[in-house]
Amino acid sequence: MSEKRMTSSRKHHLKSLMLQIAANLIEEEKKEMKQEKDNFMANIPALDLSGDQAMLMEMLKKLAHTIDKVDEDRYDAEAKVNKADKEIEDLKMKVIEIQGMKKPALKKVRMSADAMLQALLGTKHKASMDFRANLKEVKKEVKEEAADAVGDWRKNVDEQAGMDGRMKKFQG
């Protein structure tokens, strides 16, 4: 079964529609946030600055205390969000590990030993790998002792032929 592929113009059209919808949603969110802020600010009583210096100092201390409390709450909320983000990343990594990494198909490359060394060591080192030159020469040594002991095989056969040869074998 062959799947029907979408044309590029259709893809671009759908993408532009999605972007328009997303832009509209973002505008609506901004309007809602502004409305919430305006509603919240409307509920706050007006600041009364009438009074003596001691009363104003007391009010400033209360404001500073409130600001500190809000900052602590904001810091705690940020810490929770960061912890959750870290956990999400760890879980994503575990999912990737479980699925396994897909290894790309490797291409077979023909390369000489000299080219491999140059690729590994870089251009600084110019090492030549002539394997045949590095081989040790092995000379075949003929064991002369064995050759003397065996000697000519015809003589041995002639000597052992008949009863005399067999008797020599047991006597000697």
Protein backbone atom coordinates (compact mmCIF):
# COMPACT_ATOMS: atom_id res chain seq x y z
CA MET A 1 0.00 0.00 0.00
CA SER A 2 1.47 3.31 -1.00
CA GLU A 3 0.69 6.23 1.24
CA LYS A 4 -0.58 9.38 -0.39
CA ARG A 5 1.96 12.13 0.05
CA MET A 6 0.93 15.67 0.77
CA THR A 7 1.91 18.29 -1.77
CA SER A 8 4.25 21.05 -0.68
CA SER A 9 1.63 23.75 -1.29
CA ARG A 10 -0.81 21.89 0.98
CA LYS A 11 1.89 21.57 3.66
CA HIS A 12 2.65 25.30 3.51
CA HIS A 13 -1.06 26.15 3.66
CA LEU A 14 -1.61 23.97 6.75
CA LYS A 15 1.50 25.39 8.39
CA SER A 16 0.34 28.97 7.82
CA LEU A 17 -3.10 28.11 9.27
CA MET A 18 -1.48 26.62 12.38
CA LEU A 19 0.69 29.72 12.81
CA GLN A 20 -2.37 32.00 12.49
CA ILE A 21 -4.27 30.00 15.12
CA ALA A 22 -1.25 30.08 17.45
CA ALA A 23 -0.88 33.86 17.00
CA ASN A 24 -4.58 34.35 17.84
CA LEU A 25 -4.24 32.20 20.97
CA ILE A 26 -1.22 34.20 22.13
CA GLU A 27 -3.12 37.49 21.64
CA GLU A 28 -6.06 36.14 23.66
CA GLU A 29 -3.73 35.06 26.47
CA LYS A 30 -2.14 38.52 26.58
CA LYS A 31 -5.57 40.16 26.79
CA GLU A 32 -6.63 37.77 29.59
CA MET A 33 -3.44 38.45 31.56
CA LYS A 34 -3.92 42.21 31.21
CA GLN A 35 -7.54 41.88 32.36
CA GLU A 36 -6.48 39.79 35.39
CA LYS A 37 -3.83 42.35 36.30
CA ASP A 38 -6.31 45.22 36.02
CA ASN A 39 -8.84 43.33 38.20
CA PHE A 40 -6.19 42.60 40.83
CA MET A 41 -4.96 46.20 40.89
CA ALA A 42 -8.55 47.45 41.24
CA ASN A 43 -8.99 45.43 44.47
CA ILE A 44 -5.90 46.95 46.14
CA PRO A 45 -6.74 49.90 48.40
CA ALA A 46 -5.15 53.24 47.60
CA LEU A 47 -1.92 54.03 49.39
CA ASP A 48 -2.42 56.42 52.29
CA LEU A 49 0.66 58.60 52.66
CA SER A 50 -0.80 60.92 55.27
CA GLY A 51 0.68 60.69 58.73
CA ASP A 52 3.93 61.21 60.53
CA GLN A 53 7.36 59.81 59.69
CA ALA A 54 7.18 56.91 62.16
CA MET A 55 3.95 55.65 60.61
CA LEU A 56 5.43 55.83 57.10
CA MET A 57 8.54 53.93 58.29
CA GLU A 58 6.31 51.22 59.74
CA MET A 59 4.40 50.96 56.47
CA LEU A 60 7.69 50.69 54.53
CA LYS A 61 8.85 47.89 56.82
CA LYS A 62 5.58 46.02 56.19
CA LEU A 63 6.01 46.47 52.42
CA ALA A 64 9.62 45.25 52.61
CA HIS A 65 8.49 42.20 54.60
CA THR A 66 5.74 41.48 52.06
CA ILE A 67 8.21 41.82 49.17
CA ASP A 68 10.62 39.41 50.88
CA LYS A 69 7.84 36.88 51.38
CA VAL A 70 6.76 37.15 47.72
CA ASP A 71 10.40 36.73 46.59
CA GLU A 72 10.76 33.58 48.73
CA ASP A 73 7.56 32.16 47.24
CA ARG A 74 8.74 33.00 43.72
CA TYR A 75 12.14 31.38 44.41
CA ASP A 76 10.44 28.23 45.74
CA ALA A 77 8.18 28.07 42.69
CA GLU A 78 11.17 28.47 40.35
CA ALA A 79 13.03 25.71 42.21
CA LYS A 80 10.06 23.36 41.80
CA VAL A 81 9.80 24.16 38.10
CA ASN A 82 13.54 23.62 37.58
CA LYS A 83 13.38 20.30 39.44
CA ALA A 84 10.41 19.17 37.33
CA ASP A 85 12.23 20.22 34.13
CA LYS A 86 15.30 18.23 35.18
CA GLU A 87 13.16 15.17 35.91
CA ILE A 88 11.51 15.51 32.50
CA GLU A 89 14.92 15.65 30.80
CA ASP A 90 16.08 12.58 32.74
CA LEU A 91 12.95 10.67 31.73
CA LYS A 92 13.44 11.69 28.09
CA MET A 93 17.01 10.39 28.23
CA LYS A 94 15.80 7.10 29.74
CA VAL A 95 13.23 6.75 26.96
CA ILE A 96 15.94 7.32 24.36
CA GLU A 97 18.19 4.74 26.08
CA ILE A 98 15.37 2.19 26.19
CA GLN A 99 14.47 2.70 22.54
CA GLY A 100 18.10 2.49 21.56
CA MET A 101 19.97 4.67 19.21
CA LYS A 102 19.49 3.95 15.53
CA LYS A 103 22.87 3.40 13.98
CA PRO A 104 23.26 4.80 10.51
CA ALA A 105 24.24 2.42 7.74
CA LEU A 106 27.98 2.62 7.28
CA LYS A 107 29.55 2.75 3.89
CA LYS A 108 32.45 0.49 3.03
CA VAL A 109 35.56 2.54 2.42
CA ARG A 110 38.65 1.18 0.78
CA MET A 111 41.72 2.65 2.35
CA SER A 112 45.36 1.64 2.30
CA ALA A 113 47.31 1.10 5.50
CA ASP A 114 49.29 4.29 4.87
CA ALA A 115 46.08 6.29 4.41
CA MET A 116 44.63 4.82 7.63
CA LEU A 117 47.72 5.76 9.61
CA GLN A 118 47.72 9.25 8.17
CA ALA A 119 44.02 9.64 9.07
CA LEU A 120 44.63 8.39 12.62
CA LEU A 121 47.88 10.20 13.35
CA GLY A 122 47.21 13.32 11.33
CA THR A 123 49.53 15.07 8.94
CA LYS A 124 52.19 15.74 11.57
CA HIS A 125 53.34 12.13 11.72
CA LYS A 126 54.46 10.57 8.52
CA ALA A 127 54.68 6.90 9.28
CA SER A 128 54.84 4.37 6.51
CA MET A 129 53.46 0.93 7.03
CA ASP A 130 55.24 -1.36 4.66
CA PHE A 131 54.25 -4.58 6.37
CA ARG A 132 56.45 -6.77 4.22
CA ALA A 133 59.55 -4.75 5.11
CA ASN A 134 58.83 -5.16 8.82
CA LEU A 135 58.52 -8.93 8.62
CA LYS A 136 61.45 -10.97 9.86
CA GLU A 137 62.99 -13.41 7.46
CA VAL A 138 62.67 -17.00 8.55
CA LYS A 139 65.26 -19.34 7.14
CA LYS A 140 64.49 -22.98 6.84
CA GLU A 141 67.08 -24.99 8.68
CA VAL A 142 67.46 -28.53 7.58
CA LYS A 143 68.07 -30.88 10.45
CA GLU A 144 71.19 -32.77 9.49
CA GLU A 145 71.03 -35.12 12.45
CA ALA A 146 67.76 -36.56 11.28
CA ALA A 147 69.07 -36.87 7.74
CA ASP A 148 72.09 -38.88 8.96
CA ALA A 149 70.00 -41.18 11.10
CA VAL A 150 67.63 -42.02 8.28
CA GLY A 151 70.25 -42.01 5.58
CA ASP A 152 69.36 -43.60 2.31
CA TRP A 153 66.09 -45.41 2.65
CA ARG A 154 67.12 -48.06 0.13
CA LYS A 155 69.96 -49.24 2.34
CA ASN A 156 67.67 -49.56 5.32
CA VAL A 157 65.17 -51.57 3.33
CA ASP A 158 67.92 -53.86 1.97
CA GLU A 159 69.40 -54.42 5.42
CA GLN A 160 66.06 -55.25 6.96
CA ALA A 161 65.04 -57.56 4.14
CA GLY A 162 65.17 -61.20 5.07
CA MET A 163 65.80 -62.71 8.50
CA ASP A 164 69.21 -61.12 8.90
CA GLY A 165 67.77 -57.64 8.85
CA ARG A 166 65.05 -58.45 11.35
CA MET A 167 67.49 -60.13 13.71
CA LYS A 168 69.83 -57.10 13.58
CA LYS A 169 66.94 -54.95 14.64
CA PHE A 170 66.43 -56.96 17.85
CA GLN A 171 70.13 -57.45 18.56
CA GLY A 172 71.39 -53.99 17.91
